[in-house]
Every structure is written in C-alpha cells, then in structure tokens.
Amino acid sequence: MDARFLAALLLTLAIEVPVLVAGMRILPPASRPPLRKVLFAGFFASIATLPYLWFLVPEFTDEHTYLPLGEALVIVVEAIVFRFVLDLPYRTCLWLSAACNLCSLAVGLAILHISR
C-alpha cells in the first residue's frame, strides 16, 4: 500500500470522525444516534470512499475536474452511508458529510501547500 495513501487515510479518519461526532450536537438530543453508530458511520464512510477518490476517480477525470468531481461524489456517497447507518434525514446527512469532507480537504490542502 502506498505510504501516502495510508497517511491520507489516517488523517482523513482523524479529522472526519471527530467532525461527524461534533456535528451530532446540532441535532436535538432525542434524535441523536448512539455514539457507537456515529463512530461506525464515520469510519466506514471514509474507509469505503477514500480508495475510490485516490485510485479510481483519477482514471476518469483530468487534473481540473478531479478535485471538485471527486469530492462531490464522496460527499454524496458518504451522505448515503450516514442516511442508512444513522437513520437521519438525507439533507442532514448531506450537510454532515459536506462538513466532514470540507474540513479534511482543507487540512489536506494546507499540508500539501506547506510541504512544497
């Protein structure tokens, strides 16, 4: 396995799972899923989508469309995972997924910029 991919996966999990957990605070307490379900959804969604973003999407896009198209696809797929695992409204899941992914994207881009 590519060491950069493994680092990206660990960084993604370290950012997106806590953002998802924090995002549960916007929900009324009675509708918040159990923490174990939230943790499972966060880990599963990231582990399931990051390989596609890294290895499959680049095969079908160019350098200009990779990031916006890839991130949009990941946000939608992770929102679907959240919907089924957390049993929350799809719109809520879409916002949660977007928050998780935009946070990890911002950190990843900052790291990439600093490392150049």
PDB file of N, CA and C in Angstrom:
ATOM      1  N   MET A   1       0.850  -1.180   0.000  1.00  0.00           N
ATOM      2  CA  MET A   1       0.000   0.000   0.000  1.00  0.00           C
ATOM      3  C   MET A   1       0.895   1.242   0.000  1.00  0.00           C
ATOM      4  N   ASP A   2       0.502   2.191  -0.759  1.00  0.00           N
ATOM      5  CA  ASP A   2       1.216   3.463  -0.863  1.00  0.00           C
ATOM      6  C   ASP A   2       1.217   4.165   0.509  1.00  0.00           C
ATOM      7  N   ALA A   3       2.390   4.547   0.983  1.00  0.00           N
ATOM      8  CA  ALA A   3       2.503   5.203   2.289  1.00  0.00           C
ATOM      9  C   ALA A   3       1.741   6.515   2.320  1.00  0.00           C
ATOM     10  N   ARG A   4       1.696   7.227   1.190  1.00  0.00           N
ATOM     11  CA  ARG A   4       0.948   8.494   1.145  1.00  0.00           C
ATOM     12  C   ARG A   4      -0.548   8.249   1.312  1.00  0.00           C
ATOM     13  N   PHE A   5      -1.031   7.170   0.704  1.00  0.00           N
ATOM     14  CA  PHE A   5      -2.447   6.843   0.846  1.00  0.00           C
ATOM     15  C   PHE A   5      -2.766   6.487   2.291  1.00  0.00           C
ATOM     16  N   LEU A   6      -1.929   5.683   2.911  1.00  0.00           N
ATOM     17  CA  LEU A   6      -2.158   5.308   4.300  1.00  0.00           C
ATOM     18  C   LEU A   6      -2.149   6.540   5.207  1.00  0.00           C
ATOM     19  N   ALA A   7      -1.217   7.453   4.977  1.00  0.00           N
ATOM     20  CA  ALA A   7      -1.176   8.693   5.761  1.00  0.00           C
ATOM     21  C   ALA A   7      -2.444   9.507   5.524  1.00  0.00           C
ATOM     22  N   ALA A   8      -2.883   9.576   4.272  1.00  0.00           N
ATOM     23  CA  ALA A   8      -4.104  10.329   3.954  1.00  0.00           C
ATOM     24  C   ALA A   8      -5.323   9.690   4.616  1.00  0.00           C
ATOM     25  N   LEU A   9      -5.374   8.374   4.627  1.00  0.00           N
ATOM     26  CA  LEU A   9      -6.492   7.675   5.257  1.00  0.00           C
ATOM     27  C   LEU A   9      -6.526   7.950   6.762  1.00  0.00           C
ATOM     28  N   LEU A  10      -5.376   7.850   7.405  1.00  0.00           N
ATOM     29  CA  LEU A  10      -5.319   8.107   8.846  1.00  0.00           C
ATOM     30  C   LEU A  10      -5.672   9.559   9.167  1.00  0.00           C
ATOM     31  N   LEU A  11      -5.180  10.481   8.351  1.00  0.00           N
ATOM     32  CA  LEU A  11      -5.504  11.890   8.553  1.00  0.00           C
ATOM     33  C   LEU A  11      -7.000  12.137   8.325  1.00  0.00           C
ATOM     34  N   THR A  12      -7.542  11.539   7.294  1.00  0.00           N
ATOM     35  CA  THR A  12      -8.967  11.673   6.999  1.00  0.00           C
ATOM     36  C   THR A  12      -9.807  11.187   8.174  1.00  0.00           C
ATOM     37  N   LEU A  13      -9.465  10.015   8.692  1.00  0.00           N
ATOM     38  CA  LEU A  13     -10.207   9.475   9.830  1.00  0.00           C
ATOM     39  C   LEU A  13     -10.061  10.369  11.062  1.00  0.00           C
ATOM     40  N   ALA A  14      -8.847  10.863  11.283  1.00  0.00           N
ATOM     41  CA  ALA A  14      -8.592  11.712  12.453  1.00  0.00           C
ATOM     42  C   ALA A  14      -9.353  13.035  12.390  1.00  0.00           C
ATOM     43  N   ILE A  15      -9.694  13.470  11.194  1.00  0.00           N
ATOM     44  CA  ILE A  15     -10.429  14.734  11.043  1.00  0.00           C
ATOM     45  C   ILE A  15     -11.927  14.496  10.913  1.00  0.00           C
ATOM     46  N   GLU A  16     -12.314  13.604  10.009  1.00  0.00           N
ATOM     47  CA  GLU A  16     -13.734  13.463   9.680  1.00  0.00           C
ATOM     48  C   GLU A  16     -14.562  12.820  10.784  1.00  0.00           C
ATOM     49  N   VAL A  17     -14.012  11.839  11.486  1.00  0.00           N
ATOM     50  CA  VAL A  17     -14.798  11.197  12.543  1.00  0.00           C
ATOM     51  C   VAL A  17     -15.109  12.182  13.677  1.00  0.00           C
ATOM     52  N   PRO A  18     -14.123  12.932  14.187  1.00  0.00           N
ATOM     53  CA  PRO A  18     -14.472  13.930  15.215  1.00  0.00           C
ATOM     54  C   PRO A  18     -15.427  15.023  14.715  1.00  0.00           C
ATOM     55  N   VAL A  19     -15.291  15.422  13.450  1.00  0.00           N
ATOM     56  CA  VAL A  19     -16.216  16.427  12.905  1.00  0.00           C
ATOM     57  C   VAL A  19     -17.634  15.857  12.873  1.00  0.00           C
ATOM     58  N   LEU A  20     -17.762  14.589  12.490  1.00  0.00           N
ATOM     59  CA  LEU A  20     -19.084  13.953  12.479  1.00  0.00           C
ATOM     60  C   LEU A  20     -19.653  13.874  13.896  1.00  0.00           C
ATOM     61  N   VAL A  21     -18.835  13.468  14.844  1.00  0.00           N
ATOM     62  CA  VAL A  21     -19.288  13.397  16.240  1.00  0.00           C
ATOM     63  C   VAL A  21     -19.720  14.785  16.717  1.00  0.00           C
ATOM     64  N   ALA A  22     -18.922  15.796  16.429  1.00  0.00           N
ATOM     65  CA  ALA A  22     -19.275  17.165  16.819  1.00  0.00           C
ATOM     66  C   ALA A  22     -20.550  17.621  16.108  1.00  0.00           C
ATOM     67  N   GLY A  23     -20.713  17.198  14.865  1.00  0.00           N
ATOM     68  CA  GLY A  23     -21.896  17.573  14.101  1.00  0.00           C
ATOM     69  C   GLY A  23     -23.192  17.046  14.690  1.00  0.00           C
ATOM     70  N   MET A  24     -23.098  15.992  15.457  1.00  0.00           N
ATOM     71  CA  MET A  24     -24.299  15.441  16.103  1.00  0.00           C
ATOM     72  C   MET A  24     -24.888  16.427  17.114  1.00  0.00           C
ATOM     73  N   ARG A  25     -24.072  17.379  17.558  1.00  0.00           N
ATOM     74  CA  ARG A  25     -24.537  18.361  18.540  1.00  0.00           C
ATOM     75  C   ARG A  25     -25.593  19.304  17.953  1.00  0.00           C
ATOM     76  N   ILE A  26     -25.663  19.393  16.612  1.00  0.00           N
ATOM     77  CA  ILE A  26     -26.683  20.263  16.017  1.00  0.00           C
ATOM     78  C   ILE A  26     -28.065  19.626  16.057  1.00  0.00           C
ATOM     79  N   LEU A  27     -28.099  18.329  16.328  1.00  0.00           N
ATOM     80  CA  LEU A  27     -29.372  17.612  16.357  1.00  0.00           C
ATOM     81  C   LEU A  27     -30.004  17.719  17.735  1.00  0.00           C
ATOM     82  N   PRO A  28     -31.321  17.698  17.786  1.00  0.00           N
ATOM     83  CA  PRO A  28     -31.969  17.634  19.099  1.00  0.00           C
ATOM     84  C   PRO A  28     -31.517  16.360  19.816  1.00  0.00           C
ATOM     85  N   PRO A  29     -31.291  16.434  21.126  1.00  0.00           N
ATOM     86  CA  PRO A  29     -30.784  15.259  21.847  1.00  0.00           C
ATOM     87  C   PRO A  29     -31.588  13.978  21.612  1.00  0.00           C
ATOM     88  N   ALA A  30     -32.882  14.095  21.491  1.00  0.00           N
ATOM     89  CA  ALA A  30     -33.705  12.894  21.310  1.00  0.00           C
ATOM     90  C   ALA A  30     -33.478  12.207  19.963  1.00  0.00           C
ATOM     91  N   SER A  31     -32.991  12.954  18.966  1.00  0.00           N
ATOM     92  CA  SER A  31     -32.810  12.350  17.641  1.00  0.00           C
ATOM     93  C   SER A  31     -31.355  11.994  17.339  1.00  0.00           C
ATOM     94  N   ARG A  32     -30.463  12.169  18.310  1.00  0.00           N
ATOM     95  CA  ARG A  32     -29.057  11.834  18.099  1.00  0.00           C
ATOM     96  C   ARG A  32     -28.869  10.325  18.133  1.00  0.00           C
ATOM     97  N   PRO A  33     -28.197   9.790  17.121  1.00  0.00           N
ATOM     98  CA  PRO A  33     -27.911   8.354  17.144  1.00  0.00           C
ATOM     99  C   PRO A  33     -26.900   8.035  18.240  1.00  0.00           C
ATOM    100  N   PRO A  34     -26.842   6.778  18.673  1.00  0.00           N
ATOM    101  CA  PRO A  34     -25.843   6.386  19.670  1.00  0.00           C
ATOM    102  C   PRO A  34     -24.424   6.624  19.141  1.00  0.00           C
ATOM    103  N   LEU A  35     -23.517   6.951  20.037  1.00  0.00           N
ATOM    104  CA  LEU A  35     -22.143   7.256  19.663  1.00  0.00           C
ATOM    105  C   LEU A  35     -21.505   6.117  18.878  1.00  0.00           C
ATOM    106  N   ARG A  36     -21.750   4.884  19.242  1.00  0.00           N
ATOM    107  CA  ARG A  36     -21.142   3.755  18.525  1.00  0.00           C
ATOM    108  C   ARG A  36     -21.569   3.727  17.057  1.00  0.00           C
ATOM    109  N   LYS A  37     -22.815   4.089  16.783  1.00  0.00           N
ATOM    110  CA  LYS A  37     -23.283   4.149  15.397  1.00  0.00           C
ATOM    111  C   LYS A  37     -22.630   5.298  14.642  1.00  0.00           C
ATOM    112  N   VAL A  38     -22.461   6.417  15.318  1.00  0.00           N
ATOM    113  CA  VAL A  38     -21.827   7.581  14.698  1.00  0.00           C
ATOM    114  C   VAL A  38     -20.369   7.259  14.368  1.00  0.00           C
ATOM    115  N   LEU A  39     -19.675   6.639  15.307  1.00  0.00           N
ATOM    116  CA  LEU A  39     -18.272   6.252  15.068  1.00  0.00           C
ATOM    117  C   LEU A  39     -18.176   5.261  13.919  1.00  0.00           C
ATOM    118  N   PHE A  40     -19.052   4.251  13.918  1.00  0.00           N
ATOM    119  CA  PHE A  40     -19.048   3.271  12.828  1.00  0.00           C
ATOM    120  C   PHE A  40     -19.297   3.958  11.492  1.00  0.00           C
ATOM    121  N   ALA A  41     -20.291   4.819  11.434  1.00  0.00           N
ATOM    122  CA  ALA A  41     -20.624   5.508  10.181  1.00  0.00           C
ATOM    123  C   ALA A  41     -19.453   6.344   9.692  1.00  0.00           C
ATOM    124  N   GLY A  42     -18.805   7.053  10.605  1.00  0.00           N
ATOM    125  CA  GLY A  42     -17.673   7.896  10.217  1.00  0.00           C
ATOM    126  C   GLY A  42     -16.507   7.074   9.692  1.00  0.00           C
ATOM    127  N   PHE A  43     -16.140   6.023  10.409  1.00  0.00           N
ATOM    128  CA  PHE A  43     -15.028   5.179   9.960  1.00  0.00           C
ATOM    129  C   PHE A  43     -15.374   4.466   8.662  1.00  0.00           C
ATOM    130  N   PHE A  44     -16.561   3.866   8.591  1.00  0.00           N
ATOM    131  CA  PHE A  44     -16.942   3.108   7.403  1.00  0.00           C
ATOM    132  C   PHE A  44     -17.006   3.994   6.166  1.00  0.00           C
ATOM    133  N   ALA A  45     -17.623   5.160   6.291  1.00  0.00           N
ATOM    134  CA  ALA A  45     -17.774   6.046   5.136  1.00  0.00           C
ATOM    135  C   ALA A  45     -16.415   6.461   4.583  1.00  0.00           C
ATOM    136  N   SER A  46     -15.496   6.839   5.448  1.00  0.00           N
ATOM    137  CA  SER A  46     -14.172   7.276   4.982  1.00  0.00           C
ATOM    138  C   SER A  46     -13.362   6.125   4.396  1.00  0.00           C
ATOM    139  N   ILE A  47     -13.384   4.994   5.085  1.00  0.00           N
ATOM    140  CA  ILE A  47     -12.628   3.838   4.608  1.00  0.00           C
ATOM    141  C   ILE A  47     -13.188   3.334   3.282  1.00  0.00           C
ATOM    142  N   ALA A  48     -14.488   3.463   3.101  1.00  0.00           N
ATOM    143  CA  ALA A  48     -15.119   2.979   1.874  1.00  0.00           C
ATOM    144  C   ALA A  48     -14.925   3.920   0.687  1.00  0.00           C
ATOM    145  N   THR A  49     -14.779   5.216   0.934  1.00  0.00           N
ATOM    146  CA  THR A  49     -14.735   6.154  -0.190  1.00  0.00           C
ATOM    147  C   THR A  49     -13.336   6.630  -0.565  1.00  0.00           C
ATOM    148  N   LEU A  50     -12.429   6.708   0.378  1.00  0.00           N
ATOM    149  CA  LEU A  50     -11.111   7.266   0.062  1.00  0.00           C
ATOM    150  C   LEU A  50     -10.355   6.488  -1.019  1.00  0.00           C
ATOM    151  N   PRO A  51     -10.399   5.155  -1.021  1.00  0.00           N
ATOM    152  CA  PRO A  51      -9.708   4.446  -2.121  1.00  0.00           C
ATOM    153  C   PRO A  51     -10.247   4.816  -3.504  1.00  0.00           C
ATOM    154  N   TYR A  52     -11.543   5.009  -3.602  1.00  0.00           N
ATOM    155  CA  TYR A  52     -12.116   5.401  -4.896  1.00  0.00           C
ATOM    156  C   TYR A  52     -11.636   6.793  -5.297  1.00  0.00           C
ATOM    157  N   LEU A  53     -11.592   7.694  -4.319  1.00  0.00           N
ATOM    158  CA  LEU A  53     -11.132   9.054  -4.599  1.00  0.00           C
ATOM    159  C   LEU A  53      -9.671   9.056  -5.050  1.00  0.00           C
ATOM    160  N   TRP A  54      -8.852   8.245  -4.433  1.00  0.00           N
ATOM    161  CA  TRP A  54      -7.420   8.224  -4.743  1.00  0.00           C
ATOM    162  C   TRP A  54      -7.086   7.430  -6.004  1.00  0.00           C
ATOM    163  N   PHE A  55      -7.756   6.300  -6.200  1.00  0.00           N
ATOM    164  CA  PHE A  55      -7.314   5.379  -7.242  1.00  0.00           C
ATOM    165  C   PHE A  55      -8.260   5.247  -8.434  1.00  0.00           C
ATOM    166  N   LEU A  56      -9.541   5.460  -8.253  1.00  0.00           N
ATOM    167  CA  LEU A  56     -10.474   5.276  -9.360  1.00  0.00           C
ATOM    168  C   LEU A  56     -10.839   6.592 -10.053  1.00  0.00           C
ATOM    169  N   VAL A  57     -11.198   7.597  -9.297  1.00  0.00           N
ATOM    170  CA  VAL A  57     -11.613   8.870  -9.886  1.00  0.00           C
ATOM    171  C   VAL A  57     -10.539   9.461 -10.809  1.00  0.00           C
ATOM    172  N   PRO A  58      -9.255   9.401 -10.441  1.00  0.00           N
ATOM    173  CA  PRO A  58      -8.234   9.970 -11.349  1.00  0.00           C
ATOM    174  C   PRO A  58      -8.183   9.296 -12.730  1.00  0.00           C
ATOM    175  N   GLU A  59      -8.636   8.068 -12.795  1.00  0.00           N
ATOM    176  CA  GLU A  59      -8.641   7.363 -14.077  1.00  0.00           C
ATOM    177  C   GLU A  59      -9.683   7.919 -15.046  1.00  0.00           C
ATOM    178  N   PHE A  60     -10.678   8.606 -14.525  1.00  0.00           N
ATOM    179  CA  PHE A  60     -11.785   9.079 -15.358  1.00  0.00           C
ATOM    180  C   PHE A  60     -11.897  10.595 -15.436  1.00  0.00           C
ATOM    181  N   THR A  61     -10.964  11.303 -14.808  1.00  0.00           N
ATOM    182  CA  THR A  61     -11.033  12.766 -14.825  1.00  0.00           C
ATOM    183  C   THR A  61      -9.663  13.341 -15.153  1.00  0.00           C
ATOM    184  N   ASP A  62      -9.654  14.624 -15.427  1.00  0.00           N
ATOM    185  CA  ASP A  62      -8.368  15.291 -15.622  1.00  0.00           C
ATOM    186  C   ASP A  62      -8.040  16.083 -14.355  1.00  0.00           C
ATOM    187  N   GLU A  63      -6.922  16.749 -14.356  1.00  0.00           N
ATOM    188  CA  GLU A  63      -6.473  17.440 -13.138  1.00  0.00           C
ATOM    189  C   GLU A  63      -7.386  18.591 -12.721  1.00  0.00           C
ATOM    190  N   HIS A  64      -8.173  19.115 -13.657  1.00  0.00           N
ATOM    191  CA  HIS A  64      -9.046  20.245 -13.342  1.00  0.00           C
ATOM    192  C   HIS A  64     -10.384  19.811 -12.743  1.00  0.00           C
ATOM    193  N   THR A  65     -10.832  18.621 -13.093  1.00  0.00           N
ATOM    194  CA  THR A  65     -12.128  18.165 -12.591  1.00  0.00           C
ATOM    195  C   THR A  65     -12.000  17.150 -11.459  1.00  0.00           C
ATOM    196  N   TYR A  66     -10.791  16.639 -11.243  1.00  0.00           N
ATOM    197  CA  TYR A  66     -10.600  15.605 -10.221  1.00  0.00           C
ATOM    198  C   TYR A  66     -11.103  16.030  -8.847  1.00  0.00           C
ATOM    199  N   LEU A  67     -10.627  17.149  -8.370  1.00  0.00           N
ATOM    200  CA  LEU A  67     -10.971  17.562  -7.008  1.00  0.00           C
ATOM    201  C   LEU A  67     -12.451  17.904  -6.851  1.00  0.00           C
ATOM    202  N   PRO A  68     -13.031  18.778  -7.665  1.00  0.00           N
ATOM    203  CA  PRO A  68     -14.452  19.092  -7.450  1.00  0.00           C
ATOM    204  C   PRO A  68     -15.368  17.892  -7.688  1.00  0.00           C
ATOM    205  N   LEU A  69     -15.113  17.134  -8.746  1.00  0.00           N
ATOM    206  CA  LEU A  69     -15.961  15.979  -9.031  1.00  0.00           C
ATOM    207  C   LEU A  69     -15.770  14.891  -7.980  1.00  0.00           C
ATOM    208  N   GLY A  70     -14.511  14.616  -7.659  1.00  0.00           N
ATOM    209  CA  GLY A  70     -14.222  13.576  -6.672  1.00  0.00           C
ATOM    210  C   GLY A  70     -14.817  13.895  -5.311  1.00  0.00           C
ATOM    211  N   GLU A  71     -14.640  15.104  -4.845  1.00  0.00           N
ATOM    212  CA  GLU A  71     -15.177  15.487  -3.538  1.00  0.00           C
ATOM    213  C   GLU A  71     -16.708  15.477  -3.550  1.00  0.00           C
ATOM    214  N   ALA A  72     -17.310  15.942  -4.637  1.00  0.00           N
ATOM    215  CA  ALA A  72     -18.775  15.920  -4.726  1.00  0.00           C
ATOM    216  C   ALA A  72     -19.302  14.487  -4.652  1.00  0.00           C
ATOM    217  N   LEU A  73     -18.654  13.578  -5.371  1.00  0.00           N
ATOM    218  CA  LEU A  73     -19.073  12.173  -5.327  1.00  0.00           C
ATOM    219  C   LEU A  73     -18.920  11.592  -3.928  1.00  0.00           C
ATOM    220  N   VAL A  74     -17.800  11.880  -3.296  1.00  0.00           N
ATOM    221  CA  VAL A  74     -17.564  11.373  -1.947  1.00  0.00           C
ATOM    222  C   VAL A  74     -18.599  11.925  -0.972  1.00  0.00           C
ATOM    223  N   ILE A  75     -18.914  13.194  -1.068  1.00  0.00           N
ATOM    224  CA  ILE A  75     -19.916  13.793  -0.181  1.00  0.00           C
ATOM    225  C   ILE A  75     -21.265  13.094  -0.342  1.00  0.00           C
ATOM    226  N   VAL A  76     -21.666  12.845  -1.573  1.00  0.00           N
ATOM    227  CA  VAL A  76     -22.957  12.189  -1.819  1.00  0.00           C
ATOM    228  C   VAL A  76     -22.941  10.750  -1.301  1.00  0.00           C
ATOM    229  N   VAL A  77     -21.890  10.005  -1.604  1.00  0.00           N
ATOM    230  CA  VAL A  77     -21.823   8.601  -1.170  1.00  0.00           C
ATOM    231  C   VAL A  77     -21.775   8.506   0.352  1.00  0.00           C
ATOM    232  N   GLU A  78     -20.970   9.360   0.989  1.00  0.00           N
ATOM    233  CA  GLU A  78     -20.906   9.319   2.446  1.00  0.00           C
ATOM    234  C   GLU A  78     -22.234   9.748   3.072  1.00  0.00           C
ATOM    235  N   ALA A  79     -22.937  10.671   2.455  1.00  0.00           N
ATOM    236  CA  ALA A  79     -24.256  11.066   2.958  1.00  0.00           C
ATOM    237  C   ALA A  79     -25.226   9.879   2.890  1.00  0.00           C
ATOM    238  N   ILE A  80     -25.126   9.087   1.846  1.00  0.00           N
ATOM    239  CA  ILE A  80     -25.975   7.896   1.728  1.00  0.00           C
ATOM    240  C   ILE A  80     -25.627   6.895   2.832  1.00  0.00           C
ATOM    241  N   VAL A  81     -24.339   6.718   3.085  1.00  0.00           N
ATOM    242  CA  VAL A  81     -23.922   5.833   4.187  1.00  0.00           C
ATOM    243  C   VAL A  81     -24.491   6.351   5.504  1.00  0.00           C
ATOM    244  N   PHE A  82     -24.338   7.645   5.763  1.00  0.00           N
ATOM    245  CA  PHE A  82     -24.855   8.233   7.003  1.00  0.00           C
ATOM    246  C   PHE A  82     -26.365   8.028   7.102  1.00  0.00           C
ATOM    247  N   ARG A  83     -27.049   8.202   5.998  1.00  0.00           N
ATOM    248  CA  ARG A  83     -28.513   8.054   5.979  1.00  0.00           C
ATOM    249  C   ARG A  83     -28.924   6.659   6.431  1.00  0.00           C
ATOM    250  N   PHE A  84     -28.260   5.649   5.892  1.00  0.00           N
ATOM    251  CA  PHE A  84     -28.650   4.280   6.221  1.00  0.00           C
ATOM    252  C   PHE A  84     -28.162   3.842   7.603  1.00  0.00           C
ATOM    253  N   VAL A  85     -26.980   4.257   7.987  1.00  0.00           N
ATOM    254  CA  VAL A  85     -26.436   3.837   9.281  1.00  0.00           C
ATOM    255  C   VAL A  85     -27.041   4.639  10.427  1.00  0.00           C
ATOM    256  N   LEU A  86     -27.172   5.941  10.245  1.00  0.00           N
ATOM    257  CA  LEU A  86     -27.613   6.815  11.334  1.00  0.00           C
ATOM    258  C   LEU A  86     -29.108   7.083  11.333  1.00  0.00           C
ATOM    259  N   ASP A  87     -29.779   6.734  10.235  1.00  0.00           N
ATOM    260  CA  ASP A  87     -31.226   6.926  10.111  1.00  0.00           C
ATOM    261  C   ASP A  87     -31.638   8.378  10.370  1.00  0.00           C
ATOM    262  N   LEU A  88     -30.889   9.275   9.737  1.00  0.00           N
ATOM    263  CA  LEU A  88     -31.187  10.705   9.817  1.00  0.00           C
ATOM    264  C   LEU A  88     -31.723  11.168   8.471  1.00  0.00           C
ATOM    265  N   PRO A  89     -32.385  12.314   8.415  1.00  0.00           N
ATOM    266  CA  PRO A  89     -32.852  12.826   7.124  1.00  0.00           C
ATOM    267  C   PRO A  89     -31.678  13.020   6.154  1.00  0.00           C
ATOM    268  N   TYR A  90     -31.940  12.755   4.892  1.00  0.00           N
ATOM    269  CA  TYR A  90     -30.866  12.828   3.901  1.00  0.00           C
ATOM    270  C   TYR A  90     -30.236  14.219   3.860  1.00  0.00           C
ATOM    271  N   ARG A  91     -31.015  15.254   3.966  1.00  0.00           N
ATOM    272  CA  ARG A  91     -30.472  16.619   3.930  1.00  0.00           C
ATOM    273  C   ARG A  91     -29.484  16.836   5.083  1.00  0.00           C
ATOM    274  N   THR A  92     -29.819  16.360   6.255  1.00  0.00           N
ATOM    275  CA  THR A  92     -28.912  16.450   7.404  1.00  0.00           C
ATOM    276  C   THR A  92     -27.627  15.685   7.119  1.00  0.00           C
ATOM    277  N   CYS A  93     -27.766  14.494   6.558  1.00  0.00           N
ATOM    278  CA  CYS A  93     -26.606  13.669   6.234  1.00  0.00           C
ATOM    279  C   CYS A  93     -25.724  14.341   5.188  1.00  0.00           C
ATOM    280  N   LEU A  94     -26.332  15.013   4.252  1.00  0.00           N
ATOM    281  CA  LEU A  94     -25.575  15.718   3.221  1.00  0.00           C
ATOM    282  C   LEU A  94     -24.759  16.856   3.839  1.00  0.00           C
ATOM    283  N   TRP A  95     -25.365  17.598   4.738  1.00  0.00           N
ATOM    284  CA  TRP A  95     -24.639  18.683   5.413  1.00  0.00           C
ATOM    285  C   TRP A  95     -23.510  18.132   6.278  1.00  0.00           C
ATOM    286  N   LEU A  96     -23.776  17.054   6.996  1.00  0.00           N
ATOM    287  CA  LEU A  96     -22.744  16.448   7.837  1.00  0.00           C
ATOM    288  C   LEU A  96     -21.583  15.938   6.988  1.00  0.00           C
ATOM    289  N   SER A  97     -21.896  15.279   5.900  1.00  0.00           N
ATOM    290  CA  SER A  97     -20.863  14.760   5.004  1.00  0.00           C
ATOM    291  C   SER A  97     -20.045  15.896   4.402  1.00  0.00           C
ATOM    292  N   ALA A  98     -20.718  16.944   3.990  1.00  0.00           N
ATOM    293  CA  ALA A  98     -20.001  18.096   3.421  1.00  0.00           C
ATOM    294  C   ALA A  98     -19.072  18.720   4.459  1.00  0.00           C
ATOM    295  N   ALA A  99     -19.538  18.864   5.682  1.00  0.00           N
ATOM    296  CA  ALA A  99     -18.690  19.435   6.738  1.00  0.00           C
ATOM    297  C   ALA A  99     -17.465  18.565   6.983  1.00  0.00           C
ATOM    298  N   CYS A 100     -17.671  17.265   7.092  1.00  0.00           N
ATOM    299  CA  CYS A 100     -16.555  16.335   7.325  1.00  0.00           C
ATOM    300  C   CYS A 100     -15.535  16.431   6.203  1.00  0.00           C
ATOM    301  N   ASN A 101     -16.008  16.358   4.978  1.00  0.00           N
ATOM    302  CA  ASN A 101     -15.105  16.325   3.833  1.00  0.00           C
ATOM    303  C   ASN A 101     -14.434  17.655   3.566  1.00  0.00           C
ATOM    304  N   LEU A 102     -15.130  18.752   3.769  1.00  0.00           N
ATOM    305  CA  LEU A 102     -14.500  20.052   3.561  1.00  0.00           C
ATOM    306  C   LEU A 102     -13.423  20.319   4.608  1.00  0.00           C
ATOM    307  N   CYS A 103     -13.644  19.855   5.829  1.00  0.00           N
ATOM    308  CA  CYS A 103     -12.606  20.009   6.865  1.00  0.00           C
ATOM    309  C   CYS A 103     -11.363  19.202   6.511  1.00  0.00           C
ATOM    310  N   SER A 104     -11.548  17.948   6.111  1.00  0.00           N
ATOM    311  CA  SER A 104     -10.375  17.135   5.785  1.00  0.00           C
ATOM    312  C   SER A 104      -9.703  17.622   4.506  1.00  0.00           C
ATOM    313  N   LEU A 105     -10.482  18.112   3.557  1.00  0.00           N
ATOM    314  CA  LEU A 105      -9.899  18.670   2.336  1.00  0.00           C
ATOM    315  C   LEU A 105      -9.060  19.904   2.660  1.00  0.00           C
ATOM    316  N   ALA A 106      -9.581  20.775   3.501  1.00  0.00           N
ATOM    317  CA  ALA A 106      -8.848  21.989   3.864  1.00  0.00           C
ATOM    318  C   ALA A 106      -7.529  21.650   4.553  1.00  0.00           C
ATOM    319  N   VAL A 107      -7.549  20.725   5.478  1.00  0.00           N
ATOM    320  CA  VAL A 107      -6.321  20.325   6.169  1.00  0.00           C
ATOM    321  C   VAL A 107      -5.353  19.662   5.185  1.00  0.00           C
ATOM    322  N   GLY A 108      -5.876  18.793   4.337  1.00  0.00           N
ATOM    323  CA  GLY A 108      -5.018  18.138   3.348  1.00  0.00           C
ATOM    324  C   GLY A 108      -4.370  19.118   2.394  1.00  0.00           C
ATOM    325  N   LEU A 109      -5.117  20.091   1.907  1.00  0.00           N
ATOM    326  CA  LEU A 109      -4.557  21.101   1.014  1.00  0.00           C
ATOM    327  C   LEU A 109      -3.532  21.968   1.729  1.00  0.00           C
ATOM    328  N   ALA A 110      -3.796  22.276   2.994  1.00  0.00           N
ATOM    329  CA  ALA A 110      -2.830  23.069   3.765  1.00  0.00           C
ATOM    330  C   ALA A 110      -1.521  22.298   3.950  1.00  0.00           C
ATOM    331  N   ILE A 111      -1.626  21.027   4.250  1.00  0.00           N
ATOM    332  CA  ILE A 111      -0.426  20.193   4.414  1.00  0.00           C
ATOM    333  C   ILE A 111       0.332  20.102   3.092  1.00  0.00           C
ATOM    334  N   LEU A 112      -0.403  19.909   2.016  1.00  0.00           N
ATOM    335  CA  LEU A 112       0.224  19.830   0.696  1.00  0.00           C
ATOM    336  C   LEU A 112       0.943  21.139   0.363  1.00  0.00           C
ATOM    337  N   HIS A 113       0.305  22.258   0.655  1.00  0.00           N
ATOM    338  CA  HIS A 113       0.902  23.572   0.388  1.00  0.00           C
ATOM    339  C   HIS A 113       2.178  23.791   1.223  1.00  0.00           C
ATOM    340  N   ILE A 114       2.115  23.431   2.480  1.00  0.00           N
ATOM    341  CA  ILE A 114       3.249  23.613   3.376  1.00  0.00           C
ATOM    342  C   ILE A 114       4.412  22.701   2.969  1.00  0.00           C
ATOM    343  N   SER A 115       4.103  21.506   2.506  1.00  0.00           N
ATOM    344  CA  SER A 115       5.165  20.534   2.186  1.00  0.00           C
ATOM    345  C   SER A 115       5.870  20.835   0.861  1.00  0.00           C
ATOM    346  N   ARG A 116       5.381  21.758   0.089  1.00  0.00           N
ATOM    347  CA  ARG A 116       6.014  22.063  -1.203  1.00  0.00           C
ATOM    348  C   ARG A 116       7.132  23.016  -1.056  1.00  0.00           C
TER     349      ARG A 116
END
